[in-house]
Amino acid sequence: MDSKRRSWAKSMTWRAIGVVILGLITYLITSDWRTMTGVTVLFHSIRVILYYWHERLWERIGWGKLNHPLERFAVKENLTPEDYEAIGRFLQDQRYTAEAPEYQI
């Protein structure tokens, strides 16, 4: 999940691209800097807020998300031997690991 700060940063950079494009189009149509500025600022101010909430809503929807197999385990700075054993058992149960085959020569 993205942090709120990251969602805002993504929204602002995307809007910066849109500001340039809409500003150019508006100026080419109106040839008026004041109209261009008003339309562009109003439109993109609304869009930044809508995009932020759109991103946050999609973070709540599980459809199409890929989950990491270890996401159910809590993040810790130092893992205990029991943590390693639990993770190992889980990975084996989920068939992410396999015992090395024994070869006879």
N, C-alpha and C. Protein backbone atom coordinates (compact mmCIF):
# COMPACT_ATOMS: atom_id res chain seq x y z
N MET A 1 0.85 -1.18 0.00
CA MET A 1 0.00 0.00 0.00
C MET A 1 0.90 1.24 0.00
N ASP A 2 0.56 2.19 -0.80
CA ASP A 2 1.29 3.46 -0.83
C ASP A 2 0.99 4.27 0.42
N SER A 3 2.00 5.01 0.88
CA SER A 3 1.75 5.94 1.98
C SER A 3 0.94 7.11 1.44
N LYS A 4 0.33 7.86 2.34
CA LYS A 4 -0.43 9.04 1.91
C LYS A 4 0.49 10.04 1.23
N ARG A 5 1.70 10.17 1.75
CA ARG A 5 2.67 11.10 1.16
C ARG A 5 3.02 10.68 -0.27
N ARG A 6 3.22 9.37 -0.50
CA ARG A 6 3.53 8.89 -1.84
C ARG A 6 2.35 9.13 -2.79
N SER A 7 1.12 8.88 -2.32
CA SER A 7 -0.06 9.13 -3.15
C SER A 7 -0.13 10.60 -3.55
N TRP A 8 0.16 11.50 -2.62
CA TRP A 8 0.17 12.93 -2.95
C TRP A 8 1.27 13.25 -3.95
N ALA A 9 2.45 12.68 -3.78
CA ALA A 9 3.56 12.93 -4.70
C ALA A 9 3.22 12.44 -6.11
N LYS A 10 2.63 11.27 -6.21
CA LYS A 10 2.22 10.75 -7.52
C LYS A 10 1.18 11.65 -8.16
N SER A 11 0.25 12.10 -7.35
CA SER A 11 -0.80 12.98 -7.85
C SER A 11 -0.22 14.29 -8.37
N MET A 12 0.72 14.86 -7.64
CA MET A 12 1.29 16.16 -8.03
C MET A 12 2.14 16.04 -9.29
N THR A 13 2.93 14.99 -9.43
CA THR A 13 3.75 14.87 -10.64
C THR A 13 2.88 14.62 -11.88
N TRP A 14 1.84 13.83 -11.71
CA TRP A 14 0.94 13.58 -12.84
C TRP A 14 0.21 14.88 -13.24
N ARG A 15 -0.20 15.63 -12.26
CA ARG A 15 -0.87 16.90 -12.53
C ARG A 15 0.08 17.89 -13.20
N ALA A 16 1.35 17.89 -12.84
CA ALA A 16 2.30 18.82 -13.46
C ALA A 16 2.35 18.60 -14.97
N ILE A 17 2.32 17.35 -15.38
CA ILE A 17 2.29 17.05 -16.81
C ILE A 17 0.99 17.60 -17.41
N GLY A 18 -0.12 17.37 -16.73
CA GLY A 18 -1.42 17.85 -17.21
C GLY A 18 -1.50 19.36 -17.27
N VAL A 19 -0.88 20.05 -16.32
CA VAL A 19 -0.89 21.52 -16.30
C VAL A 19 -0.24 22.05 -17.57
N VAL A 20 0.88 21.50 -17.92
CA VAL A 20 1.59 21.97 -19.13
C VAL A 20 0.73 21.73 -20.36
N ILE A 21 0.17 20.54 -20.49
CA ILE A 21 -0.63 20.22 -21.67
C ILE A 21 -1.88 21.09 -21.75
N LEU A 22 -2.65 21.18 -20.65
CA LEU A 22 -3.87 21.98 -20.68
C LEU A 22 -3.55 23.46 -20.86
N GLY A 23 -2.47 23.93 -20.23
CA GLY A 23 -2.08 25.33 -20.40
C GLY A 23 -1.79 25.65 -21.86
N LEU A 24 -1.05 24.79 -22.51
CA LEU A 24 -0.74 25.02 -23.93
C LEU A 24 -2.00 25.00 -24.80
N ILE A 25 -2.85 24.03 -24.58
CA ILE A 25 -4.09 23.94 -25.37
C ILE A 25 -4.97 25.17 -25.14
N THR A 26 -5.14 25.54 -23.86
CA THR A 26 -5.99 26.69 -23.54
C THR A 26 -5.43 27.98 -24.15
N TYR A 27 -4.12 28.15 -24.07
CA TYR A 27 -3.53 29.37 -24.64
C TYR A 27 -3.67 29.38 -26.16
N LEU A 28 -3.47 28.22 -26.80
CA LEU A 28 -3.61 28.16 -28.26
C LEU A 28 -5.04 28.50 -28.70
N ILE A 29 -6.03 28.14 -27.91
CA ILE A 29 -7.43 28.41 -28.26
C ILE A 29 -7.81 29.85 -27.93
N THR A 30 -7.39 30.35 -26.75
CA THR A 30 -7.86 31.67 -26.30
C THR A 30 -6.87 32.80 -26.55
N SER A 31 -5.60 32.50 -26.67
CA SER A 31 -4.54 33.51 -26.79
C SER A 31 -4.58 34.52 -25.64
N ASP A 32 -5.04 34.08 -24.48
CA ASP A 32 -5.16 34.95 -23.32
C ASP A 32 -4.53 34.26 -22.11
N TRP A 33 -3.47 34.89 -21.56
CA TRP A 33 -2.76 34.31 -20.43
C TRP A 33 -3.62 34.22 -19.18
N ARG A 34 -4.49 35.20 -18.95
CA ARG A 34 -5.33 35.19 -17.75
C ARG A 34 -6.35 34.05 -17.80
N THR A 35 -6.99 33.88 -18.93
CA THR A 35 -7.96 32.79 -19.09
C THR A 35 -7.24 31.45 -18.97
N MET A 36 -6.10 31.33 -19.62
CA MET A 36 -5.32 30.10 -19.57
C MET A 36 -4.97 29.75 -18.12
N THR A 37 -4.53 30.73 -17.37
CA THR A 37 -4.14 30.50 -15.98
C THR A 37 -5.34 30.08 -15.13
N GLY A 38 -6.45 30.79 -15.26
CA GLY A 38 -7.65 30.48 -14.47
C GLY A 38 -8.18 29.09 -14.75
N VAL A 39 -8.32 28.75 -16.02
CA VAL A 39 -8.84 27.43 -16.39
C VAL A 39 -7.90 26.34 -15.91
N THR A 40 -6.62 26.52 -16.14
CA THR A 40 -5.64 25.49 -15.78
C THR A 40 -5.55 25.28 -14.27
N VAL A 41 -5.48 26.35 -13.50
CA VAL A 41 -5.37 26.23 -12.05
C VAL A 41 -6.63 25.59 -11.46
N LEU A 42 -7.80 26.03 -11.86
CA LEU A 42 -9.05 25.48 -11.35
C LEU A 42 -9.18 24.00 -11.68
N PHE A 43 -8.98 23.68 -12.95
CA PHE A 43 -9.14 22.29 -13.40
C PHE A 43 -8.19 21.36 -12.65
N HIS A 44 -6.93 21.74 -12.55
CA HIS A 44 -5.96 20.83 -11.94
C HIS A 44 -6.03 20.80 -10.42
N SER A 45 -6.49 21.84 -9.81
CA SER A 45 -6.71 21.81 -8.35
C SER A 45 -7.76 20.76 -8.02
N ILE A 46 -8.82 20.74 -8.78
CA ILE A 46 -9.88 19.75 -8.57
C ILE A 46 -9.35 18.34 -8.87
N ARG A 47 -8.60 18.20 -9.95
CA ARG A 47 -8.11 16.89 -10.36
C ARG A 47 -7.11 16.30 -9.36
N VAL A 48 -6.27 17.12 -8.73
CA VAL A 48 -5.31 16.61 -7.75
C VAL A 48 -6.05 15.94 -6.60
N ILE A 49 -7.06 16.59 -6.10
CA ILE A 49 -7.83 16.05 -4.98
C ILE A 49 -8.57 14.78 -5.39
N LEU A 50 -9.20 14.80 -6.56
CA LEU A 50 -9.92 13.61 -7.02
C LEU A 50 -8.98 12.44 -7.25
N TYR A 51 -7.81 12.69 -7.82
CA TYR A 51 -6.86 11.62 -8.08
C TYR A 51 -6.38 10.99 -6.77
N TYR A 52 -6.10 11.81 -5.78
CA TYR A 52 -5.64 11.31 -4.48
C TYR A 52 -6.68 10.33 -3.90
N TRP A 53 -7.94 10.75 -3.87
CA TRP A 53 -8.98 9.89 -3.31
C TRP A 53 -9.23 8.66 -4.18
N HIS A 54 -9.08 8.81 -5.47
CA HIS A 54 -9.19 7.67 -6.39
C HIS A 54 -8.11 6.64 -6.07
N GLU A 55 -6.87 7.05 -5.88
CA GLU A 55 -5.77 6.16 -5.51
C GLU A 55 -6.03 5.47 -4.17
N ARG A 56 -6.47 6.24 -3.18
CA ARG A 56 -6.70 5.66 -1.86
C ARG A 56 -7.84 4.63 -1.91
N LEU A 57 -8.87 4.90 -2.68
CA LEU A 57 -9.97 3.95 -2.82
C LEU A 57 -9.48 2.65 -3.46
N TRP A 58 -8.68 2.75 -4.52
CA TRP A 58 -8.18 1.57 -5.19
C TRP A 58 -7.26 0.75 -4.30
N GLU A 59 -6.59 1.38 -3.33
CA GLU A 59 -5.75 0.63 -2.40
C GLU A 59 -6.59 -0.30 -1.52
N ARG A 60 -7.87 0.00 -1.34
CA ARG A 60 -8.76 -0.83 -0.52
C ARG A 60 -9.36 -1.99 -1.30
N ILE A 61 -9.25 -1.97 -2.61
CA ILE A 61 -9.83 -3.01 -3.45
C ILE A 61 -8.77 -4.06 -3.72
N GLY A 62 -9.07 -5.30 -3.38
CA GLY A 62 -8.10 -6.38 -3.53
C GLY A 62 -7.99 -6.95 -4.92
N TRP A 63 -8.96 -6.67 -5.77
CA TRP A 63 -8.99 -7.25 -7.11
C TRP A 63 -7.72 -6.89 -7.88
N GLY A 64 -7.07 -7.90 -8.43
CA GLY A 64 -5.90 -7.68 -9.27
C GLY A 64 -4.59 -7.48 -8.54
N LYS A 65 -4.61 -7.48 -7.22
CA LYS A 65 -3.37 -7.31 -6.46
C LYS A 65 -2.67 -8.66 -6.32
N LEU A 66 -1.36 -8.62 -6.41
CA LEU A 66 -0.56 -9.80 -6.17
C LEU A 66 0.00 -9.70 -4.76
N ASN A 67 -0.16 -10.75 -4.00
CA ASN A 67 0.28 -10.74 -2.61
C ASN A 67 1.58 -11.52 -2.46
N HIS A 68 2.47 -10.98 -1.68
CA HIS A 68 3.72 -11.66 -1.37
C HIS A 68 3.41 -12.79 -0.39
N PRO A 69 4.04 -13.94 -0.57
CA PRO A 69 3.72 -15.08 0.30
C PRO A 69 4.03 -14.84 1.78
N LEU A 70 4.92 -13.92 2.10
CA LEU A 70 5.28 -13.69 3.50
C LEU A 70 4.58 -12.50 4.12
N GLU A 71 3.61 -11.92 3.43
CA GLU A 71 2.98 -10.71 3.95
C GLU A 71 2.18 -10.94 5.23
N ARG A 72 1.82 -12.17 5.52
CA ARG A 72 1.06 -12.44 6.74
C ARG A 72 1.91 -12.37 8.00
N PHE A 73 3.23 -12.36 7.84
CA PHE A 73 4.13 -12.30 8.99
C PHE A 73 4.42 -10.84 9.33
N ALA A 74 4.44 -10.54 10.62
CA ALA A 74 4.74 -9.19 11.08
C ALA A 74 6.19 -8.83 10.77
N VAL A 75 6.41 -7.58 10.46
CA VAL A 75 7.76 -7.10 10.19
C VAL A 75 8.44 -6.82 11.52
N LYS A 76 9.61 -7.41 11.69
CA LYS A 76 10.38 -7.22 12.92
C LYS A 76 11.81 -6.85 12.54
N GLU A 77 12.44 -6.14 13.44
CA GLU A 77 13.85 -5.79 13.18
C GLU A 77 14.73 -7.03 13.35
N ASN A 78 14.51 -7.79 14.40
CA ASN A 78 15.30 -8.99 14.68
C ASN A 78 14.38 -10.20 14.75
N LEU A 79 14.65 -11.17 13.89
CA LEU A 79 13.86 -12.39 13.89
C LEU A 79 14.44 -13.38 14.88
N THR A 80 13.55 -14.09 15.56
CA THR A 80 13.97 -15.13 16.51
C THR A 80 14.09 -16.45 15.74
N PRO A 81 14.75 -17.43 16.34
CA PRO A 81 14.79 -18.76 15.70
C PRO A 81 13.39 -19.32 15.45
N GLU A 82 12.46 -19.02 16.35
CA GLU A 82 11.07 -19.48 16.15
C GLU A 82 10.44 -18.83 14.92
N ASP A 83 10.77 -17.55 14.70
CA ASP A 83 10.26 -16.86 13.51
C ASP A 83 10.77 -17.54 12.24
N TYR A 84 12.06 -17.85 12.22
CA TYR A 84 12.64 -18.53 11.05
C TYR A 84 11.97 -19.88 10.81
N GLU A 85 11.72 -20.61 11.89
CA GLU A 85 11.06 -21.91 11.75
C GLU A 85 9.64 -21.75 11.22
N ALA A 86 8.89 -20.77 11.74
CA ALA A 86 7.51 -20.54 11.28
C ALA A 86 7.49 -20.16 9.80
N ILE A 87 8.41 -19.31 9.40
CA ILE A 87 8.48 -18.91 8.00
C ILE A 87 8.85 -20.11 7.12
N GLY A 88 9.81 -20.89 7.57
CA GLY A 88 10.21 -22.07 6.81
C GLY A 88 9.07 -23.06 6.65
N ARG A 89 8.33 -23.31 7.75
CA ARG A 89 7.17 -24.22 7.67
C ARG A 89 6.12 -23.68 6.71
N PHE A 90 5.86 -22.39 6.81
CA PHE A 90 4.85 -21.78 5.93
C PHE A 90 5.26 -21.93 4.46
N LEU A 91 6.51 -21.64 4.16
CA LEU A 91 6.98 -21.74 2.77
C LEU A 91 6.92 -23.18 2.26
N GLN A 92 7.22 -24.13 3.12
CA GLN A 92 7.10 -25.54 2.72
C GLN A 92 5.65 -25.92 2.50
N ASP A 93 4.76 -25.49 3.41
CA ASP A 93 3.34 -25.79 3.27
C ASP A 93 2.77 -25.21 1.98
N GLN A 94 3.25 -24.07 1.58
CA GLN A 94 2.76 -23.42 0.38
C GLN A 94 3.51 -23.88 -0.88
N ARG A 95 4.45 -24.80 -0.69
CA ARG A 95 5.25 -25.38 -1.77
C ARG A 95 6.16 -24.35 -2.47
N TYR A 96 6.63 -23.39 -1.68
CA TYR A 96 7.61 -22.43 -2.20
C TYR A 96 9.02 -22.97 -2.08
N THR A 97 9.20 -23.96 -1.24
CA THR A 97 10.51 -24.58 -1.07
C THR A 97 10.33 -26.08 -1.24
N ALA A 98 11.40 -26.73 -1.54
CA ALA A 98 11.35 -28.18 -1.67
C ALA A 98 12.65 -28.75 -1.12
N GLU A 99 12.54 -29.94 -0.63
CA GLU A 99 13.74 -30.63 -0.15
C GLU A 99 14.60 -30.96 -1.36
N ALA A 100 15.88 -30.86 -1.17
CA ALA A 100 16.80 -31.22 -2.25
C ALA A 100 16.69 -32.73 -2.48
N PRO A 101 16.64 -33.12 -3.72
CA PRO A 101 16.54 -34.57 -3.99
C PRO A 101 17.84 -35.28 -3.57
N GLU A 102 17.66 -36.49 -3.10
CA GLU A 102 18.83 -37.28 -2.72
C GLU A 102 19.24 -38.11 -3.92
N TYR A 103 20.48 -37.96 -4.32
CA TYR A 103 20.99 -38.69 -5.48
C TYR A 103 21.88 -39.82 -4.97
N GLN A 104 21.77 -40.92 -5.64
CA GLN A 104 22.66 -42.01 -5.33
C GLN A 104 23.58 -42.21 -6.53
N ILE A 105 24.82 -42.26 -6.20
CA ILE A 105 25.81 -42.43 -7.29
C ILE A 105 26.36 -43.81 -7.22
